C-alpha atoms as a PDB file:
ATOM      1  CA  MET A   1     164.713 122.375  48.471  1.00  0.00           C
ATOM      2  CA  ARG A   2     161.384 121.142  49.783  1.00  0.00           C
ATOM      3  CA  PHE A   3     158.065 122.832  49.338  1.00  0.00           C
ATOM      4  CA  ARG A   4     156.245 122.596  52.619  1.00  0.00           C
ATOM      5  CA  LEU A   5     153.078 124.459  53.644  1.00  0.00           C
ATOM      6  CA  THR A   6     153.303 124.304  57.408  1.00  0.00           C
ATOM      7  CA  LEU A   7     155.825 126.513  59.208  1.00  0.00           C
ATOM      8  CA  LYS A   8     155.158 124.285  62.250  1.00  0.00           C
ATOM      9  CA  LYS A   9     152.744 121.587  63.189  1.00  0.00           C
ATOM     10  CA  PRO A  10     149.207 122.828  62.346  1.00  0.00           C
ATOM     11  CA  HIS A  11     147.332 123.822  65.462  1.00  0.00           C
ATOM     12  CA  GLU A  12     143.658 124.203  66.144  1.00  0.00           C
ATOM     13  CA  GLY A  13     141.984 126.148  63.391  1.00  0.00           C
ATOM     14  CA  GLN A  14     144.782 125.602  60.833  1.00  0.00           C
ATOM     15  CA  ASP A  15     144.473 122.114  59.337  1.00  0.00           C
ATOM     16  CA  ASN A  16     145.854 121.230  55.848  1.00  0.00           C
ATOM     17  CA  PHE A  17     142.640 122.189  54.039  1.00  0.00           C
ATOM     18  CA  PHE A  18     142.880 125.632  55.488  1.00  0.00           C
ATOM     19  CA  LEU A  19     146.668 125.917  54.689  1.00  0.00           C
ATOM     20  CA  TRP A  20     146.186 124.961  51.066  1.00  0.00           C
ATOM     21  CA  ALA A  21     143.224 127.396  50.757  1.00  0.00           C
ATOM     22  CA  MET A  22     145.437 130.284  51.979  1.00  0.00           C
ATOM     23  CA  VAL A  23     147.882 129.456  49.164  1.00  0.00           C
ATOM     24  CA  ILE A  24     145.347 128.917  46.384  1.00  0.00           C
ATOM     25  CA  LEU A  25     142.730 131.568  47.058  1.00  0.00           C
ATOM     26  CA  PRO A  26     144.968 134.585  46.428  1.00  0.00           C
ATOM     27  CA  ILE A  27     145.884 133.033  43.026  1.00  0.00           C
ATOM     28  CA  PHE A  28     142.212 132.577  42.232  1.00  0.00           C
ATOM     29  CA  ALA A  29     141.612 136.194  43.243  1.00  0.00           C
ATOM     30  CA  ASP A  30     144.249 137.557  40.889  1.00  0.00           C
ATOM     31  CA  ALA A  31     143.014 135.285  38.134  1.00  0.00           C
ATOM     32  CA  ALA A  32     139.499 136.724  38.576  1.00  0.00           C
ATOM     33  CA  TYR A  33     141.015 140.202  38.416  1.00  0.00           C
ATOM     34  CA  ILE A  34     142.665 139.336  35.073  1.00  0.00           C
ATOM     35  CA  ASN A  35     139.366 137.828  33.835  1.00  0.00           C
ATOM     36  CA  ASP A  36     137.435 140.962  34.682  1.00  0.00           C
ATOM     37  CA  ALA A  37     140.090 143.250  33.182  1.00  0.00           C
ATOM     38  CA  TYR A  38     140.172 141.546  29.845  1.00  0.00           C
ATOM     39  CA  TYR A  39     136.342 141.167  29.764  1.00  0.00           C
ATOM     40  CA  LEU A  40     136.298 144.949  29.878  1.00  0.00           C
ATOM     41  CA  LEU A  41     139.022 145.101  27.286  1.00  0.00           C
ATOM     42  CA  SER A  42     137.084 142.767  24.952  1.00  0.00           C
ATOM     43  CA  GLY A  43     134.679 145.621  24.221  1.00  0.00           C
ATOM     44  CA  SER A  44     131.539 143.868  25.403  1.00  0.00           C
ATOM     45  CA  THR A  45     128.488 146.122  25.429  1.00  0.00           C
ATOM     46  CA  ASN A  46     127.596 144.760  28.907  1.00  0.00           C
ATOM     47  CA  ARG A  47     130.270 146.565  30.871  1.00  0.00           C
ATOM     48  CA  HIS A  48     128.391 146.493  34.140  1.00  0.00           C
ATOM     49  CA  TYR A  49     129.591 142.973  34.907  1.00  0.00           C
ATOM     50  CA  GLU A  50     133.243 144.055  34.748  1.00  0.00           C
ATOM     51  CA  GLY A  51     134.191 143.683  38.424  1.00  0.00           C
ATOM     52  CA  LEU A  52     131.986 140.975  39.927  1.00  0.00           C
ATOM     53  CA  PHE A  53     134.439 138.075  40.292  1.00  0.00           C
ATOM     54  CA  SER A  54     137.273 140.220  41.443  1.00  0.00           C
ATOM     55  CA  THR A  55     135.000 142.093  43.909  1.00  0.00           C
ATOM     56  CA  ILE A  56     134.075 138.757  45.448  1.00  0.00           C
ATOM     57  CA  LEU A  57     137.574 137.342  45.778  1.00  0.00           C
ATOM     58  CA  ILE A  58     139.802 140.377  46.069  1.00  0.00           C
ATOM     59  CA  VAL A  59     139.779 140.199  49.884  1.00  0.00           C
ATOM     60  CA  PHE A  60     142.045 137.091  49.580  1.00  0.00           C
ATOM     61  CA  THR A  61     144.772 139.055  47.870  1.00  0.00           C
ATOM     62  CA  TYR A  62     145.243 140.928  51.113  1.00  0.00           C
ATOM     63  CA  MET A  63     145.507 137.604  52.961  1.00  0.00           C
ATOM     64  CA  ARG A  64     148.687 136.709  51.156  1.00  0.00           C
ATOM     65  CA  TYR A  65     150.784 138.039  53.999  1.00  0.00           C
ATOM     66  CA  CYS A  66     150.168 134.866  55.955  1.00  0.00           C
ATOM     67  CA  ALA A  67     150.878 132.411  53.147  1.00  0.00           C
ATOM     68  CA  PRO A  68     151.980 129.268  55.119  1.00  0.00           C
ATOM     69  CA  ILE A  69     155.012 128.358  52.966  1.00  0.00           C
ATOM     70  CA  GLU A  70     158.064 127.269  54.889  1.00  0.00           C
ATOM     71  CA  SER A  71     160.703 127.615  52.234  1.00  0.00           C
ATOM     72  CA  ARG A  72     161.755 131.294  51.923  1.00  0.00           C
ATOM     73  CA  ARG A  73     162.696 130.920  48.274  1.00  0.00           C
ATOM     74  CA  MET A  74     159.357 129.394  47.471  1.00  0.00           C
ATOM     75  CA  LEU A  75     157.600 132.076  49.442  1.00  0.00           C
ATOM     76  CA  GLY A  76     159.478 134.816  47.614  1.00  0.00           C
ATOM     77  CA  ALA A  77     158.610 133.196  44.244  1.00  0.00           C
ATOM     78  CA  TYR A  78     154.975 132.946  45.393  1.00  0.00           C
ATOM     79  CA  TYR A  79     154.815 136.720  46.191  1.00  0.00           C
ATOM     80  CA  VAL A  80     156.443 137.518  42.856  1.00  0.00           C
ATOM     81  CA  LEU A  81     153.896 135.279  40.995  1.00  0.00           C
ATOM     82  CA  LEU A  82     151.022 137.085  42.689  1.00  0.00           C
ATOM     83  CA  CYS A  83     152.438 140.469  41.856  1.00  0.00           C
ATOM     84  CA  VAL A  84     152.863 139.495  38.177  1.00  0.00           C
ATOM     85  CA  LEU A  85     149.286 138.240  37.945  1.00  0.00           C
ATOM     86  CA  TYR A  86     147.955 141.368  39.569  1.00  0.00           C
ATOM     87  CA  GLU A  87     150.023 143.595  37.201  1.00  0.00           C
ATOM     88  CA  VAL A  88     148.721 141.655  34.180  1.00  0.00           C
ATOM     89  CA  GLY A  89     145.162 142.474  35.248  1.00  0.00           C
ATOM     90  CA  THR A  90     146.069 146.107  35.867  1.00  0.00           C
ATOM     91  CA  ILE A  91     147.667 146.381  32.428  1.00  0.00           C
ATOM     92  CA  GLY A  92     144.424 145.110  30.936  1.00  0.00           C
ATOM     93  CA  TYR A  93     142.435 147.859  32.669  1.00  0.00           C
ATOM     94  CA  LEU A  94     145.039 150.461  31.645  1.00  0.00           C
ATOM     95  CA  ILE A  95     144.835 149.452  27.954  1.00  0.00           C
ATOM     96  CA  SER A  96     141.072 149.763  28.038  1.00  0.00           C
ATOM     97  CA  TYR A  97     141.126 153.198  29.674  1.00  0.00           C
ATOM     98  CA  ILE A  98     143.800 154.371  27.247  1.00  0.00           C
ATOM     99  CA  GLN A  99     141.579 153.265  24.364  1.00  0.00           C
ATOM    100  CA  HIS A 100     138.626 155.192  25.803  1.00  0.00           C
ATOM    101  CA  ASN A 101     140.906 158.193  26.711  1.00  0.00           C
ATOM    102  CA  GLU A 102     139.879 158.144  30.377  1.00  0.00           C
ATOM    103  CA  THR A 103     142.795 160.020  31.838  1.00  0.00           C
ATOM    104  CA  TYR A 104     141.555 159.964  35.437  1.00  0.00           C
ATOM    105  CA  ASP A 105     141.284 156.162  35.520  1.00  0.00           C
ATOM    106  CA  ILE A 106     144.669 155.776  33.835  1.00  0.00           C
ATOM    107  CA  ILE A 107     146.316 157.751  36.621  1.00  0.00           C
ATOM    108  CA  LEU A 108     144.415 155.846  39.262  1.00  0.00           C
ATOM    109  CA  TYR A 109     145.420 152.393  37.956  1.00  0.00           C
ATOM    110  CA  PHE A 110     149.050 153.460  37.661  1.00  0.00           C
ATOM    111  CA  GLY A 111     148.778 154.239  41.336  1.00  0.00           C
ATOM    112  CA  TRP A 112     147.385 150.774  42.071  1.00  0.00           C
ATOM    113  CA  ALA A 113     150.202 149.169  40.033  1.00  0.00           C
ATOM    114  CA  ILE A 114     152.870 151.066  41.990  1.00  0.00           C
ATOM    115  CA  LEU A 115     151.175 150.232  45.295  1.00  0.00           C
ATOM    116  CA  GLU A 116     151.231 146.491  44.393  1.00  0.00           C
ATOM    117  CA  ILE A 117     154.924 146.576  43.614  1.00  0.00           C
ATOM    118  CA  VAL A 118     155.751 148.412  46.877  1.00  0.00           C
ATOM    119  CA  MET A 119     153.555 145.978  48.917  1.00  0.00           C
ATOM    120  CA  THR A 120     155.218 142.953  47.324  1.00  0.00           C
ATOM    121  CA  GLY A 121     158.649 144.384  48.032  1.00  0.00           C
ATOM    122  CA  CYS A 122     157.726 144.941  51.686  1.00  0.00           C
ATOM    123  CA  LEU A 123     156.312 141.412  52.048  1.00  0.00           C
ATOM    124  CA  ILE A 124     159.436 139.911  50.526  1.00  0.00           C
ATOM    125  CA  TYR A 125     161.639 142.026  52.847  1.00  0.00           C
ATOM    126  CA  TYR A 126     159.830 141.162  56.080  1.00  0.00           C
ATOM    127  CA  ARG A 127     158.713 137.581  55.451  1.00  0.00           C
ATOM    128  CA  VAL A 128     161.426 136.282  53.116  1.00  0.00           C
ATOM    129  CA  VAL A 129     164.542 138.231  54.025  1.00  0.00           C
ATOM    130  CA  LYS A 130     163.939 138.825  57.747  1.00  0.00           C
ATOM    131  CA  GLY A 131     161.740 135.787  58.330  1.00  0.00           C
ATOM    132  CA  CYS A 132     159.099 137.631  60.331  1.00  0.00           C
ATOM    133  CA  GLN A 133     155.869 135.897  61.262  1.00  0.00           C
ATOM    134  CA  PRO A 134     152.411 137.529  61.113  1.00  0.00           C
ATOM    135  CA  ASN A 135     150.881 139.034  64.254  1.00  0.00           C
ATOM    136  CA  PHE A 136     147.336 138.975  62.776  1.00  0.00           C
ATOM    137  CA  PRO A 137     146.367 135.296  63.414  1.00  0.00           C
ATOM    138  CA  LEU A 138     144.311 133.849  60.594  1.00  0.00           C
ATOM    139  CA  GLU A 139     142.399 130.695  61.258  1.00  0.00           C
ATOM    140  CA  SER A 140     139.711 128.699  59.440  1.00  0.00           C
ATOM    141  CA  LYS A 141     136.986 130.477  61.478  1.00  0.00           C
ATOM    142  CA  HIS A 142     138.048 133.762  59.870  1.00  0.00           C
ATOM    143  CA  LEU A 143     137.877 132.239  56.444  1.00  0.00           C
ATOM    144  CA  PHE A 144     134.360 131.038  56.981  1.00  0.00           C
ATOM    145  CA  ALA A 145     133.461 134.408  58.572  1.00  0.00           C
ATOM    146  CA  PHE A 146     134.593 136.132  55.361  1.00  0.00           C
ATOM    147  CA  ILE A 147     132.500 133.797  53.176  1.00  0.00           C
ATOM    148  CA  THR A 148     129.408 134.256  55.367  1.00  0.00           C
ATOM    149  CA  ARG A 149     129.703 138.040  55.271  1.00  0.00           C
ATOM    150  CA  LEU A 150     130.363 138.019  51.565  1.00  0.00           C
ATOM    151  CA  GLU A 151     127.090 136.104  50.938  1.00  0.00           C
ATOM    152  CA  ILE A 152     125.155 138.837  52.869  1.00  0.00           C
ATOM    153  CA  ILE A 153     126.934 141.720  51.213  1.00  0.00           C
ATOM    154  CA  LEU A 154     126.722 140.346  47.673  1.00  0.00           C
ATOM    155  CA  ALA A 155     122.958 139.718  48.094  1.00  0.00           C
ATOM    156  CA  ILE A 156     122.839 143.544  48.101  1.00  0.00           C
ATOM    157  CA  TYR A 157     125.543 144.270  45.552  1.00  0.00           C
ATOM    158  CA  ILE A 158     124.906 141.679  42.885  1.00  0.00           C
ATOM    159  CA  PRO A 159     121.702 143.433  41.545  1.00  0.00           C
ATOM    160  CA  PHE A 160     123.855 146.530  40.841  1.00  0.00           C
ATOM    161  CA  PHE A 161     126.449 144.583  38.850  1.00  0.00           C
ATOM    162  CA  PHE A 162     123.728 143.216  36.503  1.00  0.00           C
ATOM    163  CA  ASN A 163     121.535 146.302  36.341  1.00  0.00           C
ATOM    164  CA  ILE A 164     122.305 148.069  33.075  1.00  0.00           C
ATOM    165  CA  GLN A 165     121.359 151.408  34.682  1.00  0.00           C
ATOM    166  CA  SER A 166     123.916 151.025  37.497  1.00  0.00           C
ATOM    167  CA  ILE A 167     127.673 151.297  37.339  1.00  0.00           C
ATOM    168  CA  THR A 168     129.892 150.135  40.192  1.00  0.00           C
ATOM    169  CA  LEU A 169     132.894 152.350  41.023  1.00  0.00           C
ATOM    170  CA  THR A 170     134.997 150.355  43.490  1.00  0.00           C
ATOM    171  CA  LYS A 171     136.284 146.819  43.701  1.00  0.00           C
ATOM    172  CA  HIS A 172     137.995 146.819  47.088  1.00  0.00           C
ATOM    173  CA  SER A 173     135.383 148.334  49.362  1.00  0.00           C
ATOM    174  CA  ILE A 174     133.732 145.004  50.294  1.00  0.00           C
ATOM    175  CA  ALA A 175     137.188 143.559  51.092  1.00  0.00           C
ATOM    176  CA  PHE A 176     137.990 146.568  53.285  1.00  0.00           C
ATOM    177  CA  PHE A 177     134.673 146.211  55.135  1.00  0.00           C
ATOM    178  CA  LEU A 178     135.688 142.615  56.068  1.00  0.00           C
ATOM    179  CA  LEU A 179     139.285 143.473  56.806  1.00  0.00           C
ATOM    180  CA  PHE A 180     138.901 146.285  59.310  1.00  0.00           C
ATOM    181  CA  GLU A 181     136.691 144.034  61.491  1.00  0.00           C
ATOM    182  CA  PHE A 182     139.379 141.368  61.172  1.00  0.00           C
ATOM    183  CA  PHE A 183     142.168 143.762  62.127  1.00  0.00           C
ATOM    184  CA  ALA A 184     140.118 145.122  65.113  1.00  0.00           C
ATOM    185  CA  GLU A 185     140.219 141.687  66.760  1.00  0.00           C
ATOM    186  CA  SER A 186     143.916 142.284  67.471  1.00  0.00           C
ATOM    187  CA  TYR A 187     143.507 145.892  68.631  1.00  0.00           C
ATOM    188  CA  HIS A 188     144.252 144.935  72.234  1.00  0.00           C
ATOM    189  CA  ARG A 189     147.793 144.051  71.152  1.00  0.00           C
ATOM    190  CA  PHE A 190     148.411 147.267  69.253  1.00  0.00           C
ATOM    191  CA  GLU A 191     151.323 149.225  70.670  1.00  0.00           C
ATOM    192  CA  GLY A 192     151.912 152.925  70.013  1.00  0.00           C
ATOM    193  CA  PHE A 193     150.248 155.687  68.125  1.00  0.00           C
ATOM    194  CA  TRP A 194     150.847 154.888  64.432  1.00  0.00           C
ATOM    195  CA  ILE A 195     149.189 151.554  63.974  1.00  0.00           C
ATOM    196  CA  LYS A 196     146.126 152.650  66.002  1.00  0.00           C
ATOM    197  CA  ALA A 197     145.812 155.872  64.068  1.00  0.00           C
ATOM    198  CA  THR A 198     146.197 154.009  60.727  1.00  0.00           C
ATOM    199  CA  LEU A 199     143.382 151.649  61.701  1.00  0.00           C
ATOM    200  CA  TYR A 200     141.025 154.520  62.592  1.00  0.00           C
ATOM    201  CA  LEU A 201     141.897 156.384  59.378  1.00  0.00           C
ATOM    202  CA  PHE A 202     141.318 153.168  57.460  1.00  0.00           C
ATOM    203  CA  VAL A 203     137.843 152.785  58.923  1.00  0.00           C
ATOM    204  CA  CYS A 204     137.000 156.463  58.090  1.00  0.00           C
ATOM    205  CA  THR A 205     138.246 156.249  54.470  1.00  0.00           C
ATOM    206  CA  VAL A 206     136.358 153.054  53.844  1.00  0.00           C
ATOM    207  CA  THR A 207     133.191 154.580  55.193  1.00  0.00           C
ATOM    208  CA  VAL A 208     133.548 157.645  52.913  1.00  0.00           C
ATOM    209  CA  CYS A 209     134.270 155.418  49.985  1.00  0.00           C
ATOM    210  CA  VAL A 210     131.174 153.274  50.475  1.00  0.00           C
ATOM    211  CA  ALA A 211     128.965 156.350  51.147  1.00  0.00           C
ATOM    212  CA  CYS A 212     130.076 158.005  47.886  1.00  0.00           C
ATOM    213  CA  GLU A 213     129.526 154.733  46.030  1.00  0.00           C
ATOM    214  CA  TRP A 214     125.908 154.614  47.194  1.00  0.00           C
ATOM    215  CA  LEU A 215     125.300 158.286  46.521  1.00  0.00           C
ATOM    216  CA  TYR A 216     126.627 157.832  43.016  1.00  0.00           C
ATOM    217  CA  LEU A 217     124.407 154.799  42.435  1.00  0.00           C
ATOM    218  CA  SER A 218     121.377 156.686  43.779  1.00  0.00           C
ATOM    219  CA  ASN A 219     122.011 159.719  41.610  1.00  0.00           C
ATOM    220  CA  ASN A 220     122.792 157.512  38.563  1.00  0.00           C
ATOM    221  CA  GLN A 221     119.414 155.871  38.801  1.00  0.00           C
ATOM    222  CA  SER A 222     117.785 159.303  38.949  1.00  0.00           C
ATOM    223  CA  ASN A 223     119.845 160.512  35.993  1.00  0.00           C
ATOM    224  CA  ASN A 224     121.469 163.092  38.245  1.00  0.00           C
ATOM    225  CA  HIS A 225     125.100 162.328  37.543  1.00  0.00           C
ATOM    226  CA  ASN A 226     127.835 163.825  39.744  1.00  0.00           C
ATOM    227  CA  GLU A 227     131.390 163.195  38.726  1.00  0.00           C
ATOM    228  CA  ALA A 228     132.636 164.519  42.052  1.00  0.00           C
ATOM    229  CA  GLU A 229     131.180 161.538  43.819  1.00  0.00           C
ATOM    230  CA  GLU A 230     132.884 159.205  41.377  1.00  0.00           C
ATOM    231  CA  VAL A 231     136.240 160.883  41.916  1.00  0.00           C
ATOM    232  CA  VAL A 232     135.920 160.970  45.721  1.00  0.00           C
ATOM    233  CA  ALA A 233     134.922 157.312  45.858  1.00  0.00           C
ATOM    234  CA  SER A 234     137.850 156.155  43.689  1.00  0.00           C
ATOM    235  CA  VAL A 235     140.351 158.354  45.531  1.00  0.00           C
ATOM    236  CA  PHE A 236     139.247 157.208  48.996  1.00  0.00           C
ATOM    237  CA  GLU A 237     139.310 153.567  47.801  1.00  0.00           C
ATOM    238  CA  PHE A 238     142.933 154.056  46.782  1.00  0.00           C
ATOM    239  CA  VAL A 239     143.753 155.768  50.054  1.00  0.00           C
ATOM    240  CA  SER A 240     142.058 152.900  51.935  1.00  0.00           C
ATOM    241  CA  GLY A 241     144.218 150.430  49.945  1.00  0.00           C
ATOM    242  CA  CYS A 242     147.344 152.289  51.058  1.00  0.00           C
ATOM    243  CA  LEU A 243     146.227 152.345  54.689  1.00  0.00           C
ATOM    244  CA  CYS A 244     145.270 148.602  54.577  1.00  0.00           C
ATOM    245  CA  ASP A 245     148.707 147.735  53.211  1.00  0.00           C
ATOM    246  CA  MET A 246     150.364 149.841  55.974  1.00  0.00           C
ATOM    247  CA  ILE A 247     148.494 148.030  58.713  1.00  0.00           C
ATOM    248  CA  ILE A 248     149.571 144.653  57.240  1.00  0.00           C
ATOM    249  CA  ILE A 249     153.198 145.766  57.109  1.00  0.00           C
ATOM    250  CA  PHE A 250     153.083 147.315  60.549  1.00  0.00           C
ATOM    251  CA  GLN A 251     152.365 143.921  62.083  1.00  0.00           C
ATOM    252  CA  PHE A 252     155.868 142.778  61.117  1.00  0.00           C
ATOM    253  CA  ILE A 253     157.528 145.686  62.989  1.00  0.00           C
ATOM    254  CA  PRO A 254     157.939 144.537  66.620  1.00  0.00           C
ATOM    255  CA  TYR A 255     157.260 147.826  68.393  1.00  0.00           C
ATOM    256  CA  HIS A 256     153.769 148.070  66.871  1.00  0.00           C
ATOM    257  CA  PHE A 257     152.546 144.966  68.718  1.00  0.00           C
ATOM    258  CA  LYS A 258     152.702 143.912  72.313  1.00  0.00           C
ATOM    259  CA  PRO A 259     154.480 140.530  72.788  1.00  0.00           C
ATOM    260  CA  GLU A 260     151.916 137.767  72.827  1.00  0.00           C
ATOM    261  CA  GLY A 261     151.353 136.121  76.178  1.00  0.00           C
ATOM    262  CA  ILE A 262     153.420 138.501  78.292  1.00  0.00           C
ATOM    263  CA  SER A 263     150.422 139.827  80.182  1.00  0.00           C
ATOM    264  CA  ASP A 264     149.268 136.290  80.950  1.00  0.00           C
ATOM    265  CA  ILE A 265     152.708 135.282  82.183  1.00  0.00           C
ATOM    266  CA  ALA A 266     152.970 138.356  84.431  1.00  0.00           C
ATOM    267  CA  ARG A 267     149.486 137.715  85.871  1.00  0.00           C
ATOM    268  CA  THR A 268     150.350 134.074  86.588  1.00  0.00           C
ATOM    269  CA  ALA A 269     153.628 135.006  88.188  1.00  0.00           C
ATOM    270  CA  PHE A 270     151.955 137.574  90.414  1.00  0.00           C
ATOM    271  CA  ILE A 271     149.321 135.094  91.549  1.00  0.00           C
ATOM    272  CA  PHE A 272     152.025 132.444  92.195  1.00  0.00           C
ATOM    273  CA  GLN A 273     154.126 134.886  94.193  1.00  0.00           C
ATOM    274  CA  GLN A 274     151.120 135.810  96.377  1.00  0.00           C
ATOM    275  CA  GLU A 275     150.369 132.086  97.033  1.00  0.00           C
ATOM    276  CA  VAL A 276     153.976 131.398  97.968  1.00  0.00           C
ATOM    277  CA  ASN A 277     154.071 134.342 100.407  1.00  0.00           C
ATOM    278  CA  ALA A 278     150.751 133.261 101.950  1.00  0.00           C
ATOM    279  CA  ASN A 279     151.846 129.683 102.404  1.00  0.00           C
ATOM    280  CA  SER A 280     155.225 130.628 103.841  1.00  0.00           C
ATOM    281  CA  GLN A 281     153.509 132.963 106.422  1.00  0.00           C
ATOM    282  CA  GLU A 282     150.960 130.330 107.387  1.00  0.00           C
ATOM    283  CA  ASN A 283     153.510 127.518 107.772  1.00  0.00           C
ATOM    284  CA  GLY A 284     156.252 129.626 109.264  1.00  0.00           C
ATOM    285  CA  ILE A 285     158.629 128.811 106.391  1.00  0.00           C
ATOM    286  CA  ASN A 286     160.551 131.501 104.557  1.00  0.00           C
ATOM    287  CA  LEU A 287     162.486 131.238 101.322  1.00  0.00           C
ATOM    288  CA  GLN A 288     165.819 131.495 103.018  1.00  0.00           C
ATOM    289  CA  THR A 289     164.999 128.373 104.980  1.00  0.00           C
ATOM    290  CA  ILE A 290     164.122 126.643 101.735  1.00  0.00           C
ATOM    291  CA  ARG A 291     167.436 127.634 100.281  1.00  0.00           C
ATOM    292  CA  THR A 292     169.434 126.416 103.293  1.00  0.00           C
ATOM    293  CA  ASN A 293     167.634 123.014 103.312  1.00  0.00           C
ATOM    294  CA  LEU A 294     168.194 122.454  99.558  1.00  0.00           C
ATOM    295  CA  GLN A 295     171.854 123.326  99.925  1.00  0.00           C
ATOM    296  CA  THR A 296     172.292 120.980 102.880  1.00  0.00           C
ATOM    297  CA  MET A 297     170.653 118.157 101.010  1.00  0.00           C
ATOM    298  CA  GLY A 298     172.752 118.826  97.975  1.00  0.00           C
ATOM    299  CA  ILE A 299     169.762 118.790  95.634  1.00  0.00           C
ATOM    300  CA  ILE A 300     170.602 121.963  93.766  1.00  0.00           C
ATOM    301  CA  PRO A 301     174.002 123.695  93.696  1.00  0.00           C
ATOM    302  CA  ASP A 302     174.134 127.187  95.226  1.00  0.00           C
ATOM    303  CA  SER A 303     175.342 128.660  91.911  1.00  0.00           C
ATOM    304  CA  LYS A 304     171.989 127.768  90.303  1.00  0.00           C
ATOM    305  CA  LEU A 305     169.854 128.127  93.351  1.00  0.00           C
ATOM    306  CA  LYS A 306     170.693 131.803  93.900  1.00  0.00           C
ATOM    307  CA  HIS A 307     169.089 132.567  90.558  1.00  0.00           C
ATOM    308  CA  MET A 308     165.992 130.564  91.429  1.00  0.00           C
ATOM    309  CA  ILE A 309     165.117 131.969  94.848  1.00  0.00           C
ATOM    310  CA  SER A 310     165.711 135.592  95.769  1.00  0.00           C
ATOM    311  CA  GLU A 311     166.162 136.940  99.246  1.00  0.00           C
ATOM    312  CA  ASN A 312     163.048 139.063  99.262  1.00  0.00           C
ATOM    313  CA  SER A 313     160.387 136.413  98.647  1.00  0.00           C
ATOM    314  CA  VAL A 314     160.019 136.168  94.796  1.00  0.00           C
ATOM    315  CA  ILE A 315     160.858 133.207  92.669  1.00  0.00           C
ATOM    316  CA  ASP A 316     162.627 134.358  89.452  1.00  0.00           C
ATOM    317  CA  LEU A 317     160.921 133.069  86.330  1.00  0.00           C
ATOM    318  CA  PHE A 318     163.966 133.440  84.173  1.00  0.00           C
ATOM    319  CA  PHE A 319     166.495 131.003  85.505  1.00  0.00           C
END
């Protein structure tokens, strides 16, 4: 059994550096999640750092759907490894919240743990068992776009992570901000109600999550604490995570996406048909005459020719 990265010859925007990055970055993201979880568990008095690394890198955990590993067994093992790493980090957070008797956070992180298991199972089913390929194309330009936007966003967020008077509530909101723009690039290929509705709901829940985060931070600095904002932000972050995973899984279900390239083929065929009709009218040559001449010359047998040229002036593309 060989371990190969490329499912096919790398095309433009997917060289070997990019392919290796798509394998390694999700592992780094889960490692950062574990680091932040056990930093919190260590009992450090500076708890405001607790989510910085995972907040920066967590967007790449959602990119695992396009891991460019050819061997299905290796791909399945890779998804299981990522799931185990994520659950180790989640267990670290759960232990810390149990020690501090924070019931709400315990329930929330149990939800994240279950969501991770369900998502991993879906990825294994669609990519490993059924061999489906992603419909959201990911290229090196997207990777650099993520990094560029992270630099801008973190220039705003980093002061809050290191400000002892500020507490960050969410870890996924920055990743969601980057992802819904990425998903929207393929909106023209969405087919049907469900995937479109899920994307719109995803955008709305992320917006509410970020708004509550900033309201909480603003009230926290003015010593006007409001637990409702904390609860709403965390709940909407979890709902956004569910919707994001749904969009990723929907791409593997054929009826949620229009077949790639069909519209271009149809347009080309229509233009070609018009040109053939115009030329035949100008030169006084019809398709029946072409058929007769080709038969007489013995170039193409009639059994094949009748599938290539129809009586009514169109040339069948599927012969």
